Amino acid sequence: MYRANCAACHNASGSGGALSQGRAAPTLWNATATQLVEAMRTGPGQMPVFGPDTLSRSEADNIAAYALTLSNREGRGGFDLGAIGPVPEGFVAWVALTTVLFGVMRWITRRPKPANSDDDRGKR
């Protein structure tokens, strides 16, 4: 339910994200369950209203409970990168891999230095 209704704006990790017109969705890490459910029901700012016809009370409570688990950002291995979600972290990995590949391609295609021949020594 979180992924379908909240992750598009608040990120898969709950770290918030950019919206249109220079606005941003806030992080969910410091919110309480009550604040999360109230925000779903009232829709502050650009957030849509998730009324009882959209989300039942138990669905809203389940989403809030899941969002509270996102604030416990224990590293699960590898580099944390701020726990900003899989897309930005994947982008960092992609850029690093591309840089390494370009370095290897440059090293493989470099031209060898010309060897000194006997003709060159006689001309000096």
PDB file of N, CA and C in Angstrom:
ATOM      1  N   MET A   1       0.821  -1.192   0.000  1.00  0.00           N
ATOM      2  CA  MET A   1       0.000   0.000   0.000  1.00  0.00           C
ATOM      3  C   MET A   1       0.868   1.260   0.000  1.00  0.00           C
ATOM      4  N   TYR A   2       1.989   1.217   0.753  1.00  0.00           N
ATOM      5  CA  TYR A   2       2.885   2.375   0.785  1.00  0.00           C
ATOM      6  C   TYR A   2       3.456   2.631  -0.604  1.00  0.00           C
ATOM      7  N   ARG A   3       3.909   1.586  -1.244  1.00  0.00           N
ATOM      8  CA  ARG A   3       4.518   1.741  -2.567  1.00  0.00           C
ATOM      9  C   ARG A   3       3.509   2.297  -3.575  1.00  0.00           C
ATOM     10  N   ALA A   4       2.282   1.855  -3.495  1.00  0.00           N
ATOM     11  CA  ALA A   4       1.270   2.285  -4.457  1.00  0.00           C
ATOM     12  C   ALA A   4       0.795   3.717  -4.217  1.00  0.00           C
ATOM     13  N   ASN A   5       0.768   4.159  -2.959  1.00  0.00           N
ATOM     14  CA  ASN A   5       0.162   5.452  -2.645  1.00  0.00           C
ATOM     15  C   ASN A   5       1.137   6.533  -2.180  1.00  0.00           C
ATOM     16  N   CYS A   6       2.293   6.152  -1.669  1.00  0.00           N
ATOM     17  CA  CYS A   6       3.173   7.137  -1.019  1.00  0.00           C
ATOM     18  C   CYS A   6       4.574   7.242  -1.633  1.00  0.00           C
ATOM     19  N   ALA A   7       5.103   6.124  -2.117  1.00  0.00           N
ATOM     20  CA  ALA A   7       6.503   6.079  -2.544  1.00  0.00           C
ATOM     21  C   ALA A   7       6.810   7.007  -3.712  1.00  0.00           C
ATOM     22  N   ALA A   8       5.833   7.304  -4.544  1.00  0.00           N
ATOM     23  CA  ALA A   8       6.095   8.167  -5.702  1.00  0.00           C
ATOM     24  C   ALA A   8       6.586   9.547  -5.267  1.00  0.00           C
ATOM     25  N   CYS A   9       6.087  10.044  -4.158  1.00  0.00           N
ATOM     26  CA  CYS A   9       6.489  11.377  -3.680  1.00  0.00           C
ATOM     27  C   CYS A   9       7.490  11.305  -2.534  1.00  0.00           C
ATOM     28  N   HIS A  10       7.270  10.385  -1.601  1.00  0.00           N
ATOM     29  CA  HIS A  10       8.092  10.334  -0.395  1.00  0.00           C
ATOM     30  C   HIS A  10       9.282   9.398  -0.525  1.00  0.00           C
ATOM     31  N   ASN A  11       9.473   8.769  -1.676  1.00  0.00           N
ATOM     32  CA  ASN A  11      10.595   7.894  -1.958  1.00  0.00           C
ATOM     33  C   ASN A  11      10.371   6.523  -1.303  1.00  0.00           C
ATOM     34  N   ALA A  12      10.977   5.517  -1.831  1.00  0.00           N
ATOM     35  CA  ALA A  12      10.833   4.161  -1.300  1.00  0.00           C
ATOM     36  C   ALA A  12      11.381   4.051   0.116  1.00  0.00           C
ATOM     37  N   SER A  13      12.335   4.915   0.461  1.00  0.00           N
ATOM     38  CA  SER A  13      12.930   4.876   1.792  1.00  0.00           C
ATOM     39  C   SER A  13      12.295   5.870   2.751  1.00  0.00           C
ATOM     40  N   GLY A  14      11.316   6.641   2.283  1.00  0.00           N
ATOM     41  CA  GLY A  14      10.670   7.627   3.149  1.00  0.00           C
ATOM     42  C   GLY A  14      11.478   8.894   3.343  1.00  0.00           C
ATOM     43  N   SER A  15      12.493   9.104   2.508  1.00  0.00           N
ATOM     44  CA  SER A  15      13.380  10.257   2.676  1.00  0.00           C
ATOM     45  C   SER A  15      12.846  11.527   2.033  1.00  0.00           C
ATOM     46  N   GLY A  16      11.669  11.476   1.445  1.00  0.00           N
ATOM     47  CA  GLY A  16      11.120  12.660   0.776  1.00  0.00           C
ATOM     48  C   GLY A  16      11.590  12.721  -0.656  1.00  0.00           C
ATOM     49  N   GLY A  17      11.091  13.722  -1.372  1.00  0.00           N
ATOM     50  CA  GLY A  17      11.483  13.828  -2.764  1.00  0.00           C
ATOM     51  C   GLY A  17      10.990  15.110  -3.385  1.00  0.00           C
ATOM     52  N   ALA A  18      11.455  15.377  -4.575  1.00  0.00           N
ATOM     53  CA  ALA A  18      11.105  16.598  -5.292  1.00  0.00           C
ATOM     54  C   ALA A  18       9.732  16.465  -5.934  1.00  0.00           C
ATOM     55  N   LEU A  19       8.983  17.562  -5.904  1.00  0.00           N
ATOM     56  CA  LEU A  19       7.682  17.637  -6.560  1.00  0.00           C
ATOM     57  C   LEU A  19       7.746  18.727  -7.622  1.00  0.00           C
ATOM     58  N   SER A  20       6.644  19.031  -8.228  1.00  0.00           N
ATOM     59  CA  SER A  20       6.613  20.081  -9.244  1.00  0.00           C
ATOM     60  C   SER A  20       6.631  21.464  -8.612  1.00  0.00           C
ATOM     61  N   GLN A  21       6.946  22.455  -9.386  1.00  0.00           N
ATOM     62  CA  GLN A  21       6.949  23.862  -8.998  1.00  0.00           C
ATOM     63  C   GLN A  21       7.866  24.153  -7.811  1.00  0.00           C
ATOM     64  N   GLY A  22       8.993  23.481  -7.746  1.00  0.00           N
ATOM     65  CA  GLY A  22       9.995  23.747  -6.724  1.00  0.00           C
ATOM     66  C   GLY A  22       9.633  23.283  -5.329  1.00  0.00           C
ATOM     67  N   ARG A  23       8.629  22.472  -5.192  1.00  0.00           N
ATOM     68  CA  ARG A  23       8.227  21.980  -3.875  1.00  0.00           C
ATOM     69  C   ARG A  23       8.817  20.594  -3.643  1.00  0.00           C
ATOM     70  N   ALA A  24       8.748  20.167  -2.391  1.00  0.00           N
ATOM     71  CA  ALA A  24       9.297  18.863  -2.045  1.00  0.00           C
ATOM     72  C   ALA A  24       8.397  18.164  -1.045  1.00  0.00           C
ATOM     73  N   ALA A  25       8.305  16.861  -1.162  1.00  0.00           N
ATOM     74  CA  ALA A  25       7.591  16.045  -0.179  1.00  0.00           C
ATOM     75  C   ALA A  25       8.530  15.837   0.998  1.00  0.00           C
ATOM     76  N   PRO A  26       8.049  16.001   2.218  1.00  0.00           N
ATOM     77  CA  PRO A  26       8.932  15.898   3.378  1.00  0.00           C
ATOM     78  C   PRO A  26       9.334  14.457   3.678  1.00  0.00           C
ATOM     79  N   THR A  27      10.390  14.327   4.460  1.00  0.00           N
ATOM     80  CA  THR A  27      10.798  13.016   4.936  1.00  0.00           C
ATOM     81  C   THR A  27       9.773  12.511   5.944  1.00  0.00           C
ATOM     82  N   LEU A  28       9.649  11.212   6.029  1.00  0.00           N
ATOM     83  CA  LEU A  28       8.713  10.606   6.968  1.00  0.00           C
ATOM     84  C   LEU A  28       9.418  10.072   8.213  1.00  0.00           C
ATOM     85  N   TRP A  29      10.722  10.230   8.283  1.00  0.00           N
ATOM     86  CA  TRP A  29      11.510   9.600   9.340  1.00  0.00           C
ATOM     87  C   TRP A  29      11.217  10.136  10.735  1.00  0.00           C
ATOM     88  N   ASN A  30      10.824  11.391  10.867  1.00  0.00           N
ATOM     89  CA  ASN A  30      10.621  11.976  12.196  1.00  0.00           C
ATOM     90  C   ASN A  30       9.151  12.104  12.572  1.00  0.00           C
ATOM     91  N   ALA A  31       8.254  11.586  11.783  1.00  0.00           N
ATOM     92  CA  ALA A  31       6.822  11.720  12.029  1.00  0.00           C
ATOM     93  C   ALA A  31       6.328  10.603  12.953  1.00  0.00           C
ATOM     94  N   THR A  32       5.260  10.895  13.662  1.00  0.00           N
ATOM     95  CA  THR A  32       4.603   9.880  14.475  1.00  0.00           C
ATOM     96  C   THR A  32       3.498   9.225  13.651  1.00  0.00           C
ATOM     97  N   ALA A  33       2.963   8.122  14.162  1.00  0.00           N
ATOM     98  CA  ALA A  33       1.879   7.427  13.454  1.00  0.00           C
ATOM     99  C   ALA A  33       0.660   8.331  13.335  1.00  0.00           C
ATOM    100  N   THR A  34       0.364   9.087  14.379  1.00  0.00           N
ATOM    101  CA  THR A  34      -0.787   9.997  14.358  1.00  0.00           C
ATOM    102  C   THR A  34      -0.603  11.073  13.297  1.00  0.00           C
ATOM    103  N   GLN A  35       0.587  11.644  13.212  1.00  0.00           N
ATOM    104  CA  GLN A  35       0.862  12.670  12.208  1.00  0.00           C
ATOM    105  C   GLN A  35       0.731  12.112  10.798  1.00  0.00           C
ATOM    106  N   LEU A  36       1.191  10.890  10.597  1.00  0.00           N
ATOM    107  CA  LEU A  36       1.118  10.290   9.271  1.00  0.00           C
ATOM    108  C   LEU A  36      -0.328  10.055   8.840  1.00  0.00           C
ATOM    109  N   VAL A  37      -1.136   9.507   9.736  1.00  0.00           N
ATOM    110  CA  VAL A  37      -2.538   9.246   9.387  1.00  0.00           C
ATOM    111  C   VAL A  37      -3.282  10.561   9.179  1.00  0.00           C
ATOM    112  N   GLU A  38      -3.022  11.561  10.018  1.00  0.00           N
ATOM    113  CA  GLU A  38      -3.676  12.862   9.839  1.00  0.00           C
ATOM    114  C   GLU A  38      -3.285  13.491   8.509  1.00  0.00           C
ATOM    115  N   ALA A  39      -2.026  13.359   8.114  1.00  0.00           N
ATOM    116  CA  ALA A  39      -1.586  13.909   6.829  1.00  0.00           C
ATOM    117  C   ALA A  39      -2.280  13.187   5.678  1.00  0.00           C
ATOM    118  N   MET A  40      -2.456  11.868   5.806  1.00  0.00           N
ATOM    119  CA  MET A  40      -3.164  11.126   4.754  1.00  0.00           C
ATOM    120  C   MET A  40      -4.612  11.596   4.637  1.00  0.00           C
ATOM    121  N   ARG A  41      -5.233  11.869   5.759  1.00  0.00           N
ATOM    122  CA  ARG A  41      -6.650  12.240   5.763  1.00  0.00           C
ATOM    123  C   ARG A  41      -6.892  13.688   5.351  1.00  0.00           C
ATOM    124  N   THR A  42      -5.964  14.605   5.667  1.00  0.00           N
ATOM    125  CA  THR A  42      -6.184  16.024   5.353  1.00  0.00           C
ATOM    126  C   THR A  42      -5.475  16.478   4.093  1.00  0.00           C
ATOM    127  N   GLY A  43      -4.403  15.793   3.705  1.00  0.00           N
ATOM    128  CA  GLY A  43      -3.700  16.153   2.481  1.00  0.00           C
ATOM    129  C   GLY A  43      -3.086  17.536   2.498  1.00  0.00           C
ATOM    130  N   PRO A  44      -2.131  17.814   3.398  1.00  0.00           N
ATOM    131  CA  PRO A  44      -1.530  19.148   3.434  1.00  0.00           C
ATOM    132  C   PRO A  44      -0.694  19.446   2.186  1.00  0.00           C
ATOM    133  N   GLY A  45      -0.648  20.714   1.791  1.00  0.00           N
ATOM    134  CA  GLY A  45       0.147  21.128   0.634  1.00  0.00           C
ATOM    135  C   GLY A  45      -0.319  20.452  -0.636  1.00  0.00           C
ATOM    136  N   GLN A  46       0.621  19.898  -1.391  1.00  0.00           N
ATOM    137  CA  GLN A  46       0.296  19.232  -2.647  1.00  0.00           C
ATOM    138  C   GLN A  46      -0.116  17.780  -2.459  1.00  0.00           C
ATOM    139  N   MET A  47      -0.103  17.304  -1.229  1.00  0.00           N
ATOM    140  CA  MET A  47      -0.454  15.902  -0.978  1.00  0.00           C
ATOM    141  C   MET A  47      -1.946  15.680  -1.216  1.00  0.00           C
ATOM    142  N   PRO A  48      -2.288  14.603  -1.922  1.00  0.00           N
ATOM    143  CA  PRO A  48      -3.715  14.314  -2.128  1.00  0.00           C
ATOM    144  C   PRO A  48      -4.367  13.848  -0.827  1.00  0.00           C
ATOM    145  N   VAL A  49      -5.667  13.991  -0.763  1.00  0.00           N
ATOM    146  CA  VAL A  49      -6.433  13.542   0.398  1.00  0.00           C
ATOM    147  C   VAL A  49      -6.774  12.064   0.200  1.00  0.00           C
ATOM    148  N   PHE A  50      -6.411  11.251   1.181  1.00  0.00           N
ATOM    149  CA  PHE A  50      -6.753   9.832   1.172  1.00  0.00           C
ATOM    150  C   PHE A  50      -7.849   9.629   2.209  1.00  0.00           C
ATOM    151  N   GLY A  51      -9.071   9.904   1.817  1.00  0.00           N
ATOM    152  CA  GLY A  51     -10.210   9.780   2.714  1.00  0.00           C
ATOM    153  C   GLY A  51     -10.584   8.331   2.960  1.00  0.00           C
ATOM    154  N   PRO A  52     -11.596   8.117   3.801  1.00  0.00           N
ATOM    155  CA  PRO A  52     -12.025   6.755   4.123  1.00  0.00           C
ATOM    156  C   PRO A  52     -12.518   5.971   2.901  1.00  0.00           C
ATOM    157  N   ASP A  53     -12.970   6.678   1.869  1.00  0.00           N
ATOM    158  CA  ASP A  53     -13.393   5.981   0.658  1.00  0.00           C
ATOM    159  C   ASP A  53     -12.200   5.482  -0.155  1.00  0.00           C
ATOM    160  N   THR A  54     -11.030   6.091   0.037  1.00  0.00           N
ATOM    161  CA  THR A  54      -9.815   5.670  -0.666  1.00  0.00           C
ATOM    162  C   THR A  54      -9.040   4.642   0.143  1.00  0.00           C
ATOM    163  N   LEU A  55      -8.790   4.965   1.429  1.00  0.00           N
ATOM    164  CA  LEU A  55      -8.067   4.064   2.328  1.00  0.00           C
ATOM    165  C   LEU A  55      -8.913   3.836   3.573  1.00  0.00           C
ATOM    166  N   SER A  56      -9.111   2.586   3.927  1.00  0.00           N
ATOM    167  CA  SER A  56      -9.830   2.297   5.168  1.00  0.00           C
ATOM    168  C   SER A  56      -8.939   2.668   6.357  1.00  0.00           C
ATOM    169  N   ARG A  57      -9.527   2.661   7.535  1.00  0.00           N
ATOM    170  CA  ARG A  57      -8.756   3.003   8.732  1.00  0.00           C
ATOM    171  C   ARG A  57      -7.601   2.025   8.923  1.00  0.00           C
ATOM    172  N   SER A  58      -7.856   0.741   8.715  1.00  0.00           N
ATOM    173  CA  SER A  58      -6.793  -0.249   8.901  1.00  0.00           C
ATOM    174  C   SER A  58      -5.697  -0.095   7.842  1.00  0.00           C
ATOM    175  N   GLU A  59      -6.072   0.244   6.613  1.00  0.00           N
ATOM    176  CA  GLU A  59      -5.059   0.465   5.570  1.00  0.00           C
ATOM    177  C   GLU A  59      -4.194   1.676   5.905  1.00  0.00           C
ATOM    178  N   ALA A  60      -4.816   2.761   6.361  1.00  0.00           N
ATOM    179  CA  ALA A  60      -4.051   3.953   6.748  1.00  0.00           C
ATOM    180  C   ALA A  60      -3.133   3.648   7.918  1.00  0.00           C
ATOM    181  N   ASP A  61      -3.633   2.876   8.897  1.00  0.00           N
ATOM    182  CA  ASP A  61      -2.798   2.493  10.040  1.00  0.00           C
ATOM    183  C   ASP A  61      -1.645   1.603   9.610  1.00  0.00           C
ATOM    184  N   ASN A  62      -1.894   0.700   8.673  1.00  0.00           N
ATOM    185  CA  ASN A  62      -0.830  -0.177   8.175  1.00  0.00           C
ATOM    186  C   ASN A  62       0.241   0.613   7.422  1.00  0.00           C
ATOM    187  N   ILE A  63      -0.182   1.585   6.634  1.00  0.00           N
ATOM    188  CA  ILE A  63       0.787   2.421   5.916  1.00  0.00           C
ATOM    189  C   ILE A  63       1.625   3.214   6.916  1.00  0.00           C
ATOM    190  N   ALA A  64       0.977   3.782   7.932  1.00  0.00           N
ATOM    191  CA  ALA A  64       1.711   4.546   8.953  1.00  0.00           C
ATOM    192  C   ALA A  64       2.690   3.646   9.694  1.00  0.00           C
ATOM    193  N   ALA A  65       2.264   2.428  10.028  1.00  0.00           N
ATOM    194  CA  ALA A  65       3.157   1.493  10.721  1.00  0.00           C
ATOM    195  C   ALA A  65       4.360   1.153   9.845  1.00  0.00           C
ATOM    196  N   TYR A  66       4.126   0.943   8.564  1.00  0.00           N
ATOM    197  CA  TYR A  66       5.239   0.658   7.651  1.00  0.00           C
ATOM    198  C   TYR A  66       6.167   1.868   7.539  1.00  0.00           C
ATOM    199  N   ALA A  67       5.585   3.068   7.422  1.00  0.00           N
ATOM    200  CA  ALA A  67       6.410   4.273   7.305  1.00  0.00           C
ATOM    201  C   ALA A  67       7.280   4.469   8.543  1.00  0.00           C
ATOM    202  N   LEU A  68       6.794   4.063   9.710  1.00  0.00           N
ATOM    203  CA  LEU A  68       7.600   4.178  10.925  1.00  0.00           C
ATOM    204  C   LEU A  68       8.792   3.239  10.893  1.00  0.00           C
ATOM    205  N   THR A  69       8.676   2.108  10.198  1.00  0.00           N
ATOM    206  CA  THR A  69       9.822   1.202  10.098  1.00  0.00           C
ATOM    207  C   THR A  69      10.915   1.775   9.217  1.00  0.00           C
ATOM    208  N   LEU A  70      10.562   2.718   8.350  1.00  0.00           N
ATOM    209  CA  LEU A  70      11.564   3.312   7.457  1.00  0.00           C
ATOM    210  C   LEU A  70      12.546   4.200   8.208  1.00  0.00           C
ATOM    211  N   SER A  71      12.144   4.703   9.380  1.00  0.00           N
ATOM    212  CA  SER A  71      13.048   5.567  10.138  1.00  0.00           C
ATOM    213  C   SER A  71      14.162   4.763  10.794  1.00  0.00           C
ATOM    214  N   ASN A  72      13.983   3.458  10.920  1.00  0.00           N
ATOM    215  CA  ASN A  72      15.028   2.589  11.450  1.00  0.00           C
ATOM    216  C   ASN A  72      15.905   2.169  10.283  1.00  0.00           C
ATOM    217  N   ARG A  73      16.901   2.999   9.980  1.00  0.00           N
ATOM    218  CA  ARG A  73      17.678   2.825   8.753  1.00  0.00           C
ATOM    219  C   ARG A  73      18.971   2.072   9.015  1.00  0.00           C
ATOM    220  N   GLU A  74      18.882   0.867   9.504  1.00  0.00           N
ATOM    221  CA  GLU A  74      20.091   0.084   9.700  1.00  0.00           C
ATOM    222  C   GLU A  74      20.676  -0.299   8.353  1.00  0.00           C
ATOM    223  N   GLY A  75      21.985  -0.233   8.260  1.00  0.00           N
ATOM    224  CA  GLY A  75      22.633  -0.633   7.026  1.00  0.00           C
ATOM    225  C   GLY A  75      22.442  -2.126   6.805  1.00  0.00           C
ATOM    226  N   ARG A  76      22.117  -2.518   5.607  1.00  0.00           N
ATOM    227  CA  ARG A  76      21.922  -3.928   5.299  1.00  0.00           C
ATOM    228  C   ARG A  76      23.085  -4.456   4.456  1.00  0.00           C
ATOM    229  N   GLY A  77      24.219  -3.820   4.587  1.00  0.00           N
ATOM    230  CA  GLY A  77      25.379  -4.247   3.833  1.00  0.00           C
ATOM    231  C   GLY A  77      25.711  -3.264   2.743  1.00  0.00           C
ATOM    232  N   GLY A  78      26.965  -3.204   2.390  1.00  0.00           N
ATOM    233  CA  GLY A  78      27.386  -2.261   1.365  1.00  0.00           C
ATOM    234  C   GLY A  78      27.448  -0.844   1.904  1.00  0.00           C
ATOM    235  N   PHE A  79      27.564   0.121   1.020  1.00  0.00           N
ATOM    236  CA  PHE A  79      27.614   1.509   1.411  1.00  0.00           C
ATOM    237  C   PHE A  79      26.206   2.045   1.610  1.00  0.00           C
ATOM    238  N   ASP A  80      26.012   2.855   2.648  1.00  0.00           N
ATOM    239  CA  ASP A  80      24.680   3.354   2.997  1.00  0.00           C
ATOM    240  C   ASP A  80      24.207   4.423   2.023  1.00  0.00           C
ATOM    241  N   LEU A  81      25.053   5.349   1.640  1.00  0.00           N
ATOM    242  CA  LEU A  81      24.717   6.456   0.751  1.00  0.00           C
ATOM    243  C   LEU A  81      23.512   7.254   1.244  1.00  0.00           C
ATOM    244  N   GLY A  82      23.346   7.324   2.562  1.00  0.00           N
ATOM    245  CA  GLY A  82      22.267   8.120   3.128  1.00  0.00           C
ATOM    246  C   GLY A  82      20.916   7.453   3.083  1.00  0.00           C
ATOM    247  N   ALA A  83      20.834   6.203   2.696  1.00  0.00           N
ATOM    248  CA  ALA A  83      19.563   5.468   2.596  1.00  0.00           C
ATOM    249  C   ALA A  83      18.533   6.261   1.813  1.00  0.00           C
ATOM    250  N   ILE A  84      18.940   6.788   0.670  1.00  0.00           N
ATOM    251  CA  ILE A  84      18.040   7.646  -0.100  1.00  0.00           C
ATOM    252  C   ILE A  84      17.225   6.878  -1.119  1.00  0.00           C
ATOM    253  N   GLY A  85      17.342   5.587  -1.132  1.00  0.00           N
ATOM    254  CA  GLY A  85      16.494   4.790  -2.011  1.00  0.00           C
ATOM    255  C   GLY A  85      17.258   4.100  -3.113  1.00  0.00           C
ATOM    256  N   PRO A  86      16.627   3.141  -3.754  1.00  0.00           N
ATOM    257  CA  PRO A  86      17.314   2.328  -4.750  1.00  0.00           C
ATOM    258  C   PRO A  86      17.644   3.058  -6.046  1.00  0.00           C
ATOM    259  N   VAL A  87      16.825   4.010  -6.460  1.00  0.00           N
ATOM    260  CA  VAL A  87      17.092   4.686  -7.740  1.00  0.00           C
ATOM    261  C   VAL A  87      18.328   5.577  -7.642  1.00  0.00           C
ATOM    262  N   PRO A  88      18.438   6.497  -6.654  1.00  0.00           N
ATOM    263  CA  PRO A  88      19.656   7.312  -6.568  1.00  0.00           C
ATOM    264  C   PRO A  88      20.898   6.480  -6.282  1.00  0.00           C
ATOM    265  N   GLU A  89      20.768   5.470  -5.436  1.00  0.00           N
ATOM    266  CA  GLU A  89      21.925   4.642  -5.136  1.00  0.00           C
ATOM    267  C   GLU A  89      22.348   3.839  -6.363  1.00  0.00           C
ATOM    268  N   GLY A  90      21.383   3.380  -7.145  1.00  0.00           N
ATOM    269  CA  GLY A  90      21.701   2.693  -8.389  1.00  0.00           C
ATOM    270  C   GLY A  90      22.364   3.622  -9.391  1.00  0.00           C
ATOM    271  N   PHE A  91      21.937   4.888  -9.408  1.00  0.00           N
ATOM    272  CA  PHE A  91      22.546   5.865 -10.303  1.00  0.00           C
ATOM    273  C   PHE A  91      24.012   6.084  -9.935  1.00  0.00           C
ATOM    274  N   VAL A  92      24.306   6.177  -8.640  1.00  0.00           N
ATOM    275  CA  VAL A  92      25.697   6.342  -8.200  1.00  0.00           C
ATOM    276  C   VAL A  92      26.523   5.139  -8.647  1.00  0.00           C
ATOM    277  N   ALA A  93      25.983   3.943  -8.482  1.00  0.00           N
ATOM    278  CA  ALA A  93      26.701   2.744  -8.909  1.00  0.00           C
ATOM    279  C   ALA A  93      26.902   2.741 -10.421  1.00  0.00           C
ATOM    280  N   TRP A  94      25.895   3.178 -11.179  1.00  0.00           N
ATOM    281  CA  TRP A  94      25.993   3.220 -12.637  1.00  0.00           C
ATOM    282  C   TRP A  94      27.080   4.201 -13.070  1.00  0.00           C
ATOM    283  N   VAL A  95      27.124   5.375 -12.464  1.00  0.00           N
ATOM    284  CA  VAL A  95      28.142   6.370 -12.814  1.00  0.00           C
ATOM    285  C   VAL A  95      29.536   5.847 -12.486  1.00  0.00           C
ATOM    286  N   ALA A  96      29.690   5.207 -11.332  1.00  0.00           N
ATOM    287  CA  ALA A  96      30.995   4.668 -10.953  1.00  0.00           C
ATOM    288  C   ALA A  96      31.438   3.582 -11.930  1.00  0.00           C
ATOM    289  N   LEU A  97      30.531   2.675 -12.287  1.00  0.00           N
ATOM    290  CA  LEU A  97      30.869   1.604 -13.220  1.00  0.00           C
ATOM    291  C   LEU A  97      31.205   2.155 -14.603  1.00  0.00           C
ATOM    292  N   THR A  98      30.450   3.143 -15.071  1.00  0.00           N
ATOM    293  CA  THR A  98      30.718   3.747 -16.374  1.00  0.00           C
ATOM    294  C   THR A  98      32.090   4.415 -16.387  1.00  0.00           C
ATOM    295  N   THR A  99      32.438   5.097 -15.300  1.00  0.00           N
ATOM    296  CA  THR A  99      33.752   5.742 -15.210  1.00  0.00           C
ATOM    297  C   THR A  99      34.868   4.709 -15.280  1.00  0.00           C
ATOM    298  N   VAL A 100      34.709   3.619 -14.562  1.00  0.00           N
ATOM    299  CA  VAL A 100      35.719   2.553 -14.597  1.00  0.00           C
ATOM    300  C   VAL A 100      35.816   1.952 -15.999  1.00  0.00           C
ATOM    301  N   LEU A 101      34.692   1.704 -16.643  1.00  0.00           N
ATOM    302  CA  LEU A 101      34.720   1.126 -17.989  1.00  0.00           C
ATOM    303  C   LEU A 101      35.397   2.057 -18.990  1.00  0.00           C
ATOM    304  N   PHE A 102      35.117   3.356 -18.911  1.00  0.00           N
ATOM    305  CA  PHE A 102      35.790   4.289 -19.804  1.00  0.00           C
ATOM    306  C   PHE A 102      37.294   4.325 -19.541  1.00  0.00           C
ATOM    307  N   GLY A 103      37.679   4.223 -18.285  1.00  0.00           N
ATOM    308  CA  GLY A 103      39.107   4.174 -17.958  1.00  0.00           C
ATOM    309  C   GLY A 103      39.775   2.941 -18.538  1.00  0.00           C
ATOM    310  N   VAL A 104      39.113   1.800 -18.433  1.00  0.00           N
ATOM    311  CA  VAL A 104      39.659   0.554 -18.985  1.00  0.00           C
ATOM    312  C   VAL A 104      39.728   0.634 -20.507  1.00  0.00           C
ATOM    313  N   MET A 105      38.688   1.166 -21.143  1.00  0.00           N
ATOM    314  CA  MET A 105      38.710   1.300 -22.612  1.00  0.00           C
ATOM    315  C   MET A 105      39.838   2.225 -23.054  1.00  0.00           C
ATOM    316  N   ARG A 106      40.050   3.299 -22.328  1.00  0.00           N
ATOM    317  CA  ARG A 106      41.137   4.222 -22.677  1.00  0.00           C
ATOM    318  C   ARG A 106      42.490   3.543 -22.519  1.00  0.00           C
ATOM    319  N   TRP A 107      42.640   2.745 -21.478  1.00  0.00           N
ATOM    320  CA  TRP A 107      43.893   2.048 -21.248  1.00  0.00           C
ATOM    321  C   TRP A 107      44.143   1.005 -22.343  1.00  0.00           C
ATOM    322  N   ILE A 108      43.087   0.293 -22.760  1.00  0.00           N
ATOM    323  CA  ILE A 108      43.234  -0.745 -23.781  1.00  0.00           C
ATOM    324  C   ILE A 108      43.556  -0.141 -25.147  1.00  0.00           C
ATOM    325  N   THR A 109      42.956   0.992 -25.478  1.00  0.00           N
ATOM    326  CA  THR A 109      43.123   1.563 -26.817  1.00  0.00           C
ATOM    327  C   THR A 109      44.249   2.578 -26.921  1.00  0.00           C
ATOM    328  N   ARG A 110      45.026   2.736 -25.873  1.00  0.00           N
ATOM    329  CA  ARG A 110      46.125   3.708 -25.968  1.00  0.00           C
ATOM    330  C   ARG A 110      47.155   3.221 -26.987  1.00  0.00           C
ATOM    331  N   ARG A 111      47.803   4.163 -27.615  1.00  0.00           N
ATOM    332  CA  ARG A 111      48.795   3.826 -28.638  1.00  0.00           C
ATOM    333  C   ARG A 111      50.156   3.653 -27.969  1.00  0.00           C
ATOM    334  N   PRO A 112      50.872   2.644 -28.385  1.00  0.00           N
ATOM    335  CA  PRO A 112      52.201   2.457 -27.795  1.00  0.00           C
ATOM    336  C   PRO A 112      53.158   3.557 -28.266  1.00  0.00           C
ATOM    337  N   LYS A 113      54.122   3.859 -27.443  1.00  0.00           N
ATOM    338  CA  LYS A 113      55.115   4.863 -27.816  1.00  0.00           C
ATOM    339  C   LYS A 113      55.966   4.298 -28.942  1.00  0.00           C
ATOM    340  N   PRO A 114      56.277   5.145 -29.940  1.00  0.00           N
ATOM    341  CA  PRO A 114      57.092   4.622 -31.055  1.00  0.00           C
ATOM    342  C   PRO A 114      58.498   4.271 -30.570  1.00  0.00           C
ATOM    343  N   ALA A 115      58.990   3.139 -31.064  1.00  0.00           N
ATOM    344  CA  ALA A 115      60.336   2.694 -30.694  1.00  0.00           C
ATOM    345  C   ALA A 115      61.355   3.468 -31.510  1.00  0.00           C
ATOM    346  N   ASN A 116      62.491   3.748 -30.927  1.00  0.00           N
ATOM    347  CA  ASN A 116      63.566   4.428 -31.649  1.00  0.00           C
ATOM    348  C   ASN A 116      64.194   3.449 -32.634  1.00  0.00           C
ATOM    349  N   SER A 117      64.275   3.851 -33.887  1.00  0.00           N
ATOM    350  CA  SER A 117      64.891   2.972 -34.887  1.00  0.00           C
ATOM    351  C   SER A 117      66.313   3.447 -35.159  1.00  0.00           C
ATOM    352  N   ASP A 118      67.077   2.629 -35.851  1.00  0.00           N
ATOM    353  CA  ASP A 118      68.458   2.985 -36.188  1.00  0.00           C
ATOM    354  C   ASP A 118      68.504   4.207 -37.094  1.00  0.00           C
ATOM    355  N   ASP A 119      67.506   4.400 -37.941  1.00  0.00           N
ATOM    356  CA  ASP A 119      67.470   5.539 -38.854  1.00  0.00           C
ATOM    357  C   ASP A 119      67.388   6.841 -38.073  1.00  0.00           C
ATOM    358  N   ASP A 120      66.651   6.844 -36.969  1.00  0.00           N
ATOM    359  CA  ASP A 120      66.497   8.068 -36.178  1.00  0.00           C
ATOM    360  C   ASP A 120      67.826   8.459 -35.518  1.00  0.00           C
ATOM    361  N   ARG A 121      68.634   7.504 -35.116  1.00  0.00           N
ATOM    362  CA  ARG A 121      69.871   7.845 -34.446  1.00  0.00           C
ATOM    363  C   ARG A 121      70.888   8.433 -35.430  1.00  0.00           C
ATOM    364  N   GLY A 122      70.832   8.015 -36.654  1.00  0.00           N
ATOM    365  CA  GLY A 122      71.792   8.507 -37.646  1.00  0.00           C
ATOM    366  C   GLY A 122      71.494   9.926 -38.091  1.00  0.00           C
ATOM    367  N   LYS A 123      70.306  10.423 -37.937  1.00  0.00           N
ATOM    368  CA  LYS A 123      69.915  11.753 -38.378  1.00  0.00           C
ATOM    369  C   LYS A 123      70.290  12.831 -37.373  1.00  0.00           C
ATOM    370  N   ARG A 124      70.631  12.463 -36.161  1.00  0.00           N
ATOM    371  CA  ARG A 124      70.931  13.467 -35.123  1.00  0.00           C
ATOM    372  C   ARG A 124      72.263  14.025 -35.237  1.00  0.00           C
TER     373      ARG A 124
END
